[in-house]
């Protein structure tokens, strides 16, 4: 592969010492002891179609085996992984969980249910933010943490760029382990080679739009998510092996009936399975240098123009959102004071500070319902720059501030607006 272009030197690569099968086996007594709590959490989340009880136990064992000081969760949904990792953080000594997701289900649905089945301080280790994964400040999030367990469960190429081009370079000097959900090992799962009358897979958005059951296979990996393309490309460029939890569990337990029997005796078929349907990797133990993609949402801009805003004579301006999910607080028509060059890649930069509750910031289409682009922003003490891409400067869309999914009012300070390119 890439025969004419030298790659990195892999002759001294080591595994990093991470063994998901051994972690699973060694955690069996802990899983058994905590089985009652895990069952109550699973029932409270009530979304096992996203994460089965055996996967709960597998990820619980990863957290207990790796012993991170930070678990960073990208994508939360209803909150299966949030709950299992928060339980692991409560079991470990000094572990924090930071969870980023657009969804408000954890705040509005899941957390109130969990409150009745855990102790009062259970949530203290968790920082669950309704926030935009692409625009988050990962230097601040990672801070001084030295052992980072990263769950990459949010999909799409834009997020893949952030993981591979922004977060991974920051993890190089730290111990880290990356888990990826929704990737099946076609060597062990009962999946046919036949297309089964399905067309070629054309991306996750196409699949959602058309409702087809097509999947994509790359090597041993099978998925319906764009993430599989990004990780396959990254691994090829860096001569990096992506690990299969299915393969590791099969090698240990299918070939050792004694260990499999010990697992079943300890945790039962409810929490034990050699089917995993998730993948993993780490750069620890590998010799660099590595190739990382640029992150388009974090590009450098060299020119800017002031913004003329209808209804706002001057900035800064303060807005109070309603305590009602998805309610519009304010919307403005705007235009640049100076037109950028015709082919410029232009973005609206909003210097903004949010307090009390999460908000949505976006550009609204002419129909008044659909967003051309929208970001979720969580409360922060300091102002940040949020960037909204402009696809058509002749019709850029109204700038809108709205309440996010939770019924929590927010105070929003907009200090500056500019068109940058």
Protein backbone atom coordinates (compact mmCIF):
# COMPACT_ATOMS: atom_id res chain seq x y z
CA UNK A 1 0.00 0.00 0.00
CA UNK A 2 1.36 3.44 -1.00
CA UNK A 3 4.45 1.63 -2.27
CA UNK A 4 5.99 4.73 -3.82
CA UNK A 5 5.58 6.85 -0.68
CA UNK A 6 7.42 5.90 2.51
CA UNK A 7 5.17 5.58 5.54
CA UNK A 8 6.03 5.62 9.21
CA UNK A 9 8.41 3.04 10.63
CA UNK A 10 6.28 0.29 12.21
CA UNK A 11 9.14 -2.08 13.11
CA UNK A 12 9.19 -0.97 16.75
CA UNK A 13 5.41 -0.76 17.24
CA UNK A 14 4.03 -2.21 20.45
CA UNK A 15 0.47 -2.93 21.52
CA UNK A 16 0.29 -0.33 24.27
CA UNK A 17 -0.60 -3.11 26.70
CA UNK A 18 -4.36 -2.81 26.13
CA UNK A 19 -6.27 -6.09 26.05
CA UNK A 20 -10.07 -5.81 25.91
CA UNK A 21 -10.61 -9.57 26.31
CA UNK A 22 -8.43 -9.73 29.40
CA UNK A 23 -10.21 -6.69 30.86
CA UNK A 24 -13.57 -8.40 30.28
CA UNK A 25 -12.41 -11.63 31.92
CA UNK A 26 -10.75 -9.93 34.89
CA UNK A 27 -13.78 -7.71 35.55
CA UNK A 28 -16.22 -10.63 35.82
CA UNK A 29 -16.45 -10.55 39.62
CA UNK A 30 -16.87 -6.77 39.63
CA UNK A 31 -19.61 -7.00 36.99
CA UNK A 32 -21.30 -9.72 39.03
CA UNK A 33 -21.13 -7.61 42.19
CA UNK A 34 -22.56 -4.57 40.36
CA UNK A 35 -25.10 -6.50 38.29
CA UNK A 36 -28.05 -5.19 40.29
CA UNK A 37 -26.99 -1.58 39.77
CA UNK A 38 -26.32 -2.18 36.09
CA UNK A 39 -29.76 -3.73 35.63
CA UNK A 40 -31.44 -0.78 37.31
CA UNK A 41 -29.50 1.66 35.13
CA UNK A 42 -30.32 -0.31 31.97
CA UNK A 43 -34.02 -0.26 32.90
CA UNK A 44 -33.90 3.49 33.60
CA UNK A 45 -32.27 4.28 30.25
CA UNK A 46 -34.66 1.83 28.55
CA UNK A 47 -32.88 1.88 25.17
CA UNK A 48 -31.19 -1.51 24.76
CA UNK A 49 -31.59 -1.39 20.99
CA UNK A 50 -28.59 0.99 21.06
CA UNK A 51 -26.49 -0.90 23.63
CA UNK A 52 -27.24 -4.43 24.83
CA UNK A 53 -26.61 -5.57 28.44
CA UNK A 54 -23.55 -7.56 27.32
CA UNK A 55 -22.15 -4.41 25.66
CA UNK A 56 -22.79 -2.52 28.91
CA UNK A 57 -20.63 -5.10 30.69
CA UNK A 58 -17.97 -4.97 27.97
CA UNK A 59 -17.61 -1.18 28.13
CA UNK A 60 -17.77 -1.28 31.93
CA UNK A 61 -14.84 -3.69 31.86
CA UNK A 62 -12.90 -1.45 29.45
CA UNK A 63 -13.26 1.52 31.80
CA UNK A 64 -12.29 -0.57 34.84
CA UNK A 65 -9.35 -2.15 33.00
CA UNK A 66 -7.96 1.01 31.42
CA UNK A 67 -8.58 3.14 34.55
CA UNK A 68 -8.83 6.53 32.84
CA UNK A 69 -8.79 9.83 34.68
CA UNK A 70 -11.07 11.23 31.94
CA UNK A 71 -13.77 9.53 29.89
CA UNK A 72 -14.71 11.74 26.95
CA UNK A 73 -17.98 10.74 25.31
CA UNK A 74 -18.79 12.08 21.83
CA UNK A 75 -22.43 11.27 21.20
CA UNK A 76 -24.81 10.41 24.01
CA UNK A 77 -28.29 9.85 22.58
CA UNK A 78 -30.56 8.40 25.26
CA UNK A 79 -27.53 7.83 27.50
CA UNK A 80 -26.58 4.13 27.66
CA UNK A 81 -22.86 4.82 27.49
CA UNK A 82 -23.20 7.89 29.72
CA UNK A 83 -24.75 5.76 32.44
CA UNK A 84 -22.30 2.88 32.21
CA UNK A 85 -19.27 5.20 32.19
CA UNK A 86 -20.64 7.28 35.06
CA UNK A 87 -21.10 4.06 37.03
CA UNK A 88 -17.49 3.14 36.21
CA UNK A 89 -16.32 6.58 37.33
CA UNK A 90 -18.09 6.03 40.64
CA UNK A 91 -16.32 2.67 40.99
CA UNK A 92 -12.89 4.07 40.15
CA UNK A 93 -11.02 6.51 42.36
CA UNK A 94 -10.43 9.65 40.30
CA UNK A 95 -12.32 9.51 37.01
CA UNK A 96 -14.31 12.31 35.41
CA UNK A 97 -16.82 11.88 32.57
CA UNK A 98 -17.41 14.68 30.04
CA UNK A 99 -20.20 13.95 27.59
CA UNK A 100 -20.95 16.04 24.48
CA UNK A 101 -24.11 15.61 22.42
CA UNK A 102 -26.78 17.59 20.59
CA UNK A 103 -29.48 15.47 22.18
CA UNK A 104 -31.31 16.69 25.26
CA UNK A 105 -32.72 13.24 26.11
CA UNK A 106 -30.29 12.72 28.97
CA UNK A 107 -31.43 15.90 30.73
CA UNK A 108 -35.13 15.67 29.99
CA UNK A 109 -35.78 11.90 30.03
CA UNK A 110 -32.97 9.70 31.32
CA UNK A 111 -31.34 11.54 34.24
CA UNK A 112 -34.65 11.99 36.12
CA UNK A 113 -35.25 8.23 35.87
CA UNK A 114 -31.72 7.38 37.02
CA UNK A 115 -31.99 9.70 40.03
CA UNK A 116 -34.35 7.22 41.69
CA UNK A 117 -31.93 4.28 41.41
CA UNK A 118 -28.53 5.78 42.36
CA UNK A 119 -27.07 7.52 45.40
CA UNK A 120 -27.19 11.30 45.76
CA UNK A 121 -23.56 11.91 44.70
CA UNK A 122 -23.62 9.56 41.67
CA UNK A 123 -23.84 12.43 39.17
CA UNK A 124 -20.91 14.35 40.69
CA UNK A 125 -18.37 12.73 38.34
CA UNK A 126 -20.40 13.64 35.22
CA UNK A 127 -20.40 16.79 33.09
CA UNK A 128 -23.11 16.10 30.46
CA UNK A 129 -23.23 18.98 28.01
CA UNK A 130 -25.69 19.74 25.25
CA UNK A 131 -23.04 21.09 22.92
CA UNK A 132 -21.73 21.06 19.38
CA UNK A 133 -19.00 18.42 19.11
CA UNK A 134 -17.33 20.15 16.17
CA UNK A 135 -16.87 23.53 17.88
CA UNK A 136 -16.00 22.29 21.40
CA UNK A 137 -12.75 23.47 23.04
CA UNK A 138 -10.77 20.23 23.36
CA UNK A 139 -7.69 21.89 24.82
CA UNK A 140 -9.86 22.95 27.74
CA UNK A 141 -11.77 19.64 27.92
CA UNK A 142 -8.65 17.45 27.96
CA UNK A 143 -6.83 19.82 30.29
CA UNK A 144 -4.16 18.06 32.33
CA UNK A 145 -5.74 14.60 32.10
CA UNK A 146 -3.21 11.90 31.28
CA UNK A 147 -5.33 8.75 30.75
CA UNK A 148 -8.21 9.38 28.37
CA UNK A 149 -10.86 6.88 27.32
CA UNK A 150 -12.59 8.30 24.23
CA UNK A 151 -15.96 7.02 23.02
CA UNK A 152 -16.39 8.09 19.39
CA UNK A 153 -20.09 7.40 18.93
CA UNK A 154 -21.19 10.53 17.07
CA UNK A 155 -21.18 10.05 13.32
CA UNK A 156 -20.51 12.04 10.17
CA UNK A 157 -17.40 13.23 8.35
CA UNK A 158 -17.32 16.61 10.10
CA UNK A 159 -17.04 14.92 13.51
CA UNK A 160 -14.54 12.39 12.11
CA UNK A 161 -12.31 15.31 11.11
CA UNK A 162 -12.44 16.66 14.65
CA UNK A 163 -11.60 13.28 16.20
CA UNK A 164 -8.76 12.46 13.81
CA UNK A 165 -7.43 15.97 13.21
CA UNK A 166 -8.07 17.80 16.48
CA UNK A 167 -8.44 15.36 19.38
CA UNK A 168 -5.97 12.60 18.42
CA UNK A 169 -2.97 14.96 18.06
CA UNK A 170 -3.74 16.20 21.58
CA UNK A 171 -3.78 12.60 22.84
CA UNK A 172 -0.39 11.62 21.43
CA UNK A 173 1.47 12.51 24.63
CA UNK A 174 -1.14 10.84 26.87
CA UNK A 175 -2.27 7.30 27.48
CA UNK A 176 -5.48 6.88 25.48
CA UNK A 177 -7.91 4.31 24.17
CA UNK A 178 -10.60 4.96 21.55
CA UNK A 179 -13.85 2.98 21.32
CA UNK A 180 -16.03 3.11 18.18
CA UNK A 181 -19.58 1.76 18.24
CA UNK A 182 -21.67 0.42 15.32
CA UNK A 183 -18.80 -1.41 13.60
CA UNK A 184 -19.40 -5.13 13.10
CA UNK A 185 -16.72 -7.75 12.45
CA UNK A 186 -18.04 -9.62 9.41
CA UNK A 187 -15.77 -12.59 10.21
CA UNK A 188 -17.92 -13.47 13.23
CA UNK A 189 -21.32 -11.87 12.78
CA UNK A 190 -23.85 -13.76 10.70
CA UNK A 191 -23.81 -11.37 7.76
CA UNK A 192 -24.04 -12.48 4.13
CA UNK A 193 -21.61 -11.54 1.38
CA UNK A 194 -24.56 -11.05 -0.95
CA UNK A 195 -25.94 -7.56 -1.61
CA UNK A 196 -29.34 -9.14 -1.04
CA UNK A 197 -30.90 -6.98 -3.70
CA UNK A 198 -29.69 -3.81 -1.97
CA UNK A 199 -27.89 -1.02 -3.88
CA UNK A 200 -24.38 0.21 -3.09
CA UNK A 201 -24.21 2.00 0.24
CA UNK A 202 -23.96 5.74 -0.45
CA UNK A 203 -23.47 7.21 3.01
CA UNK A 204 -25.45 7.43 6.23
CA UNK A 205 -27.49 10.49 5.19
CA UNK A 206 -28.52 8.70 1.99
CA UNK A 207 -29.48 5.63 4.01
CA UNK A 208 -31.60 7.62 6.44
CA UNK A 209 -33.25 9.49 3.58
CA UNK A 210 -34.07 6.39 1.54
CA UNK A 211 -34.66 3.88 4.36
CA UNK A 212 -32.63 1.16 2.64
CA UNK A 213 -30.87 -1.63 4.56
CA UNK A 214 -27.62 -1.44 2.59
CA UNK A 215 -24.34 -1.69 4.51
CA UNK A 216 -20.72 -1.13 3.60
CA UNK A 217 -17.84 -3.60 4.11
CA UNK A 218 -14.20 -2.51 4.31
CA UNK A 219 -11.85 -5.32 5.27
CA UNK A 220 -13.39 -6.97 8.33
CA UNK A 221 -15.44 -3.88 9.20
CA UNK A 222 -19.11 -3.57 8.35
CA UNK A 223 -21.22 -0.55 9.20
CA UNK A 224 -23.88 1.90 8.08
CA UNK A 225 -21.95 4.93 9.35
CA UNK A 226 -19.60 7.30 7.50
CA UNK A 227 -17.15 6.82 10.36
CA UNK A 228 -16.03 3.53 8.80
CA UNK A 229 -14.69 5.36 5.73
CA UNK A 230 -12.79 7.88 7.82
CA UNK A 231 -11.18 5.33 10.14
CA UNK A 232 -10.28 2.98 7.27
CA UNK A 233 -8.60 5.86 5.43
CA UNK A 234 -6.77 7.04 8.57
CA UNK A 235 -5.55 3.54 9.41
CA UNK A 236 -4.27 2.97 5.86
CA UNK A 237 -2.37 6.27 5.78
CA UNK A 238 -0.77 5.52 9.15
CA UNK A 239 -0.22 1.75 8.89
CA UNK A 240 -2.41 1.42 11.94
CA UNK A 241 -4.38 -1.68 12.85
CA UNK A 242 -7.96 -1.10 13.97
CA UNK A 243 -8.88 -3.59 16.66
CA UNK A 244 -12.03 -5.71 16.67
CA UNK A 245 -13.61 -6.48 20.04
CA UNK A 246 -15.46 -9.38 18.37
CA UNK A 247 -12.12 -10.84 17.28
CA UNK A 248 -10.48 -10.41 20.70
CA UNK A 249 -13.39 -11.99 22.55
CA UNK A 250 -13.59 -14.84 20.06
CA UNK A 251 -9.86 -15.58 20.39
CA UNK A 252 -10.02 -15.71 24.18
CA UNK A 253 -13.37 -17.31 24.91
CA UNK A 254 -14.34 -19.38 21.86
CA UNK A 255 -11.00 -21.17 22.06
CA UNK A 256 -11.04 -21.56 25.86
CA UNK A 257 -14.21 -23.22 27.11
CA UNK A 258 -12.99 -22.98 30.68
CA UNK A 259 -12.77 -19.20 30.67
CA UNK A 260 -16.10 -18.92 28.86
CA UNK A 261 -17.68 -21.12 31.54
CA UNK A 262 -16.18 -18.93 34.27
CA UNK A 263 -17.67 -15.84 32.62
CA UNK A 264 -21.12 -17.40 32.36
CA UNK A 265 -20.96 -18.65 35.92
CA UNK A 266 -20.07 -15.17 37.15
CA UNK A 267 -22.28 -12.87 35.06
CA UNK A 268 -24.63 -15.14 33.09
CA UNK A 269 -25.62 -14.88 29.45
CA UNK A 270 -27.20 -11.51 30.20
CA UNK A 271 -23.81 -9.82 30.60
CA UNK A 272 -21.55 -12.21 28.69
CA UNK A 273 -21.29 -12.50 24.93
CA UNK A 274 -18.40 -12.91 22.52
CA UNK A 275 -20.29 -10.69 20.06
CA UNK A 276 -19.40 -7.05 20.62
CA UNK A 277 -20.04 -5.01 17.45
CA UNK A 278 -17.52 -2.31 18.33
CA UNK A 279 -13.96 -1.46 17.35
CA UNK A 280 -11.02 0.23 19.05
CA UNK A 281 -7.57 1.69 18.50
CA UNK A 282 -4.79 3.63 20.20
CA UNK A 283 -1.63 5.37 19.01
CA UNK A 284 0.17 4.46 22.24
CA UNK A 285 3.17 2.25 21.61
CA UNK A 286 3.30 3.24 17.94
CA UNK A 287 6.21 5.06 16.33
CA UNK A 288 5.34 8.34 14.62
CA UNK A 289 5.18 10.62 12.85
CA UNK A 290 1.47 10.26 12.05
CA UNK A 291 -0.64 11.81 9.32
CA UNK A 292 -3.64 13.80 10.57
CA UNK A 293 -6.34 15.49 8.49
CA UNK A 294 -6.99 19.23 8.58
CA UNK A 295 -10.16 20.25 10.40
CA UNK A 296 -12.28 22.48 8.18
CA UNK A 297 -14.36 23.83 11.07
CA UNK A 298 -11.14 25.12 12.70
CA UNK A 299 -9.47 26.70 9.71
CA UNK A 300 -7.51 29.95 9.72
CA UNK A 301 -9.12 33.08 8.29
CA UNK A 302 -7.18 35.98 6.85
CA UNK A 303 -9.89 38.49 5.98
CA UNK A 304 -13.00 39.77 7.69
CA UNK A 305 -15.84 42.22 7.20
CA UNK A 306 -18.19 43.86 9.68
CA UNK A 307 -21.83 42.83 9.75
CA UNK A 308 -24.87 45.07 9.34
CA UNK A 309 -27.75 43.68 11.40
CA UNK A 310 -31.37 44.75 11.09
CA UNK A 311 -32.80 45.54 14.52
CA UNK A 312 -29.50 45.78 16.42
CA UNK A 313 -28.00 49.29 16.33
CA UNK A 314 -24.84 48.15 18.13
CA UNK A 315 -23.19 45.30 19.96
CA UNK A 316 -22.88 43.81 22.53
CA UNK A 317 -26.45 42.59 22.98
CA UNK A 318 -27.96 40.35 25.68
CA UNK A 319 -30.77 37.88 24.98
CA UNK A 320 -32.85 35.80 27.39
CA UNK A 321 -34.27 32.56 26.02
CA UNK A 322 -37.55 31.03 27.15
CA UNK A 323 -37.68 27.97 29.40
CA UNK A 324 -39.32 26.06 26.56
CA UNK A 325 -37.54 23.48 24.35
CA UNK A 326 -36.66 24.74 20.85
CA UNK A 327 -38.30 28.15 21.39
CA UNK A 328 -36.92 30.96 19.21
CA UNK A 329 -35.58 33.84 21.31
CA UNK A 330 -34.35 36.21 18.62
CA UNK A 331 -33.78 36.31 14.89
CA UNK A 332 -32.09 38.92 12.73
CA UNK A 333 -31.57 39.59 9.05
CA UNK A 334 -27.96 40.51 8.35
CA UNK A 335 -25.55 41.32 5.53
CA UNK A 336 -21.78 41.89 5.29
CA UNK A 337 -20.58 45.47 5.16
CA UNK A 338 -18.07 44.43 2.47
CA UNK A 339 -18.66 41.69 -0.07
CA UNK A 340 -15.94 39.00 -0.05
CA UNK A 341 -14.45 37.68 -3.30
CA UNK A 342 -16.84 35.59 -5.38
CA UNK A 343 -15.19 32.21 -4.64
CA UNK A 344 -14.38 32.91 -0.97
CA UNK A 345 -15.16 30.23 1.61
CA UNK A 346 -17.03 32.53 3.98
CA UNK A 347 -18.17 31.91 7.58
CA UNK A 348 -20.14 33.96 10.07
CA UNK A 349 -18.12 34.34 13.27
CA UNK A 350 -20.18 34.94 16.40
CA UNK A 351 -18.34 35.86 19.59
CA UNK A 352 -20.77 34.65 22.22
CA UNK A 353 -21.10 33.75 25.89
CA UNK A 354 -23.86 31.51 27.21
CA UNK A 355 -24.97 31.18 30.84
CA UNK A 356 -27.49 28.99 32.72
CA UNK A 357 -28.80 26.78 29.89
CA UNK A 358 -27.77 25.39 26.51
CA UNK A 359 -28.86 27.14 23.31
CA UNK A 360 -28.99 26.65 19.58
CA UNK A 361 -27.31 29.18 17.29
CA UNK A 362 -28.01 28.89 13.60
CA UNK A 363 -28.97 30.31 10.23
CA UNK A 364 -32.63 29.82 9.36
CA UNK A 365 -33.88 29.11 5.85
CA UNK A 366 -36.52 31.25 4.13
CA UNK A 367 -39.33 28.87 5.10
CA UNK A 368 -38.84 29.83 8.77
CA UNK A 369 -38.60 26.18 9.89
CA UNK A 370 -35.46 24.53 8.54
CA UNK A 371 -31.94 25.48 9.51
CA UNK A 372 -29.19 25.89 6.92
CA UNK A 373 -26.74 25.25 9.77
CA UNK A 374 -27.12 25.08 13.54
CA UNK A 375 -24.78 24.63 16.50
CA UNK A 376 -25.54 23.67 20.09
CA UNK A 377 -23.69 25.75 22.66
CA UNK A 378 -23.38 24.82 26.34
CA UNK A 379 -22.97 27.34 29.17
CA UNK A 380 -19.42 28.63 29.67
CA UNK A 381 -17.85 31.28 31.87
CA UNK A 382 -15.84 32.75 28.98
CA UNK A 383 -16.83 33.93 25.52
CA UNK A 384 -16.11 31.66 22.55
CA UNK A 385 -16.09 32.10 18.79
CA UNK A 386 -18.80 30.07 17.06
CA UNK A 387 -18.48 29.67 13.28
CA UNK A 388 -21.41 29.15 10.91
CA UNK A 389 -20.56 28.30 7.25
CA UNK A 390 -22.24 30.44 4.60
CA UNK A 391 -23.27 28.48 1.53
CA UNK A 392 -24.91 31.35 -0.36
CA UNK A 393 -24.02 34.94 0.51
CA UNK A 394 -26.96 36.21 -1.54
CA UNK A 395 -29.27 34.35 0.84
CA UNK A 396 -27.30 33.52 4.01
CA UNK A 397 -30.28 32.92 6.31
CA UNK A 398 -31.54 34.71 9.41
CA UNK A 399 -29.33 34.48 12.49
CA UNK A 400 -31.38 32.77 15.21
CA UNK A 401 -30.84 32.11 18.92
CA UNK A 402 -33.12 29.47 20.44
CA UNK A 403 -33.58 27.37 23.55
CA UNK A 404 -32.11 23.87 23.10
CA UNK A 405 -33.81 20.58 24.03
CA UNK A 406 -34.11 21.15 27.79
CA UNK A 407 -36.69 23.56 29.22
CA UNK A 408 -34.01 25.78 30.76
CA UNK A 409 -33.77 29.52 30.17
CA UNK A 410 -30.36 30.84 29.10
CA UNK A 411 -28.73 34.25 29.13
CA UNK A 412 -26.85 34.90 25.89
CA UNK A 413 -24.32 37.68 25.31
CA UNK A 414 -23.31 38.37 21.71
CA UNK A 415 -20.21 40.55 21.75
CA UNK A 416 -19.19 40.60 18.10
CA UNK A 417 -20.28 39.47 14.65
CA UNK A 418 -18.07 39.33 11.58
CA UNK A 419 -17.91 37.64 8.19
CA UNK A 420 -14.56 35.88 7.83
CA UNK A 421 -12.86 34.15 4.91
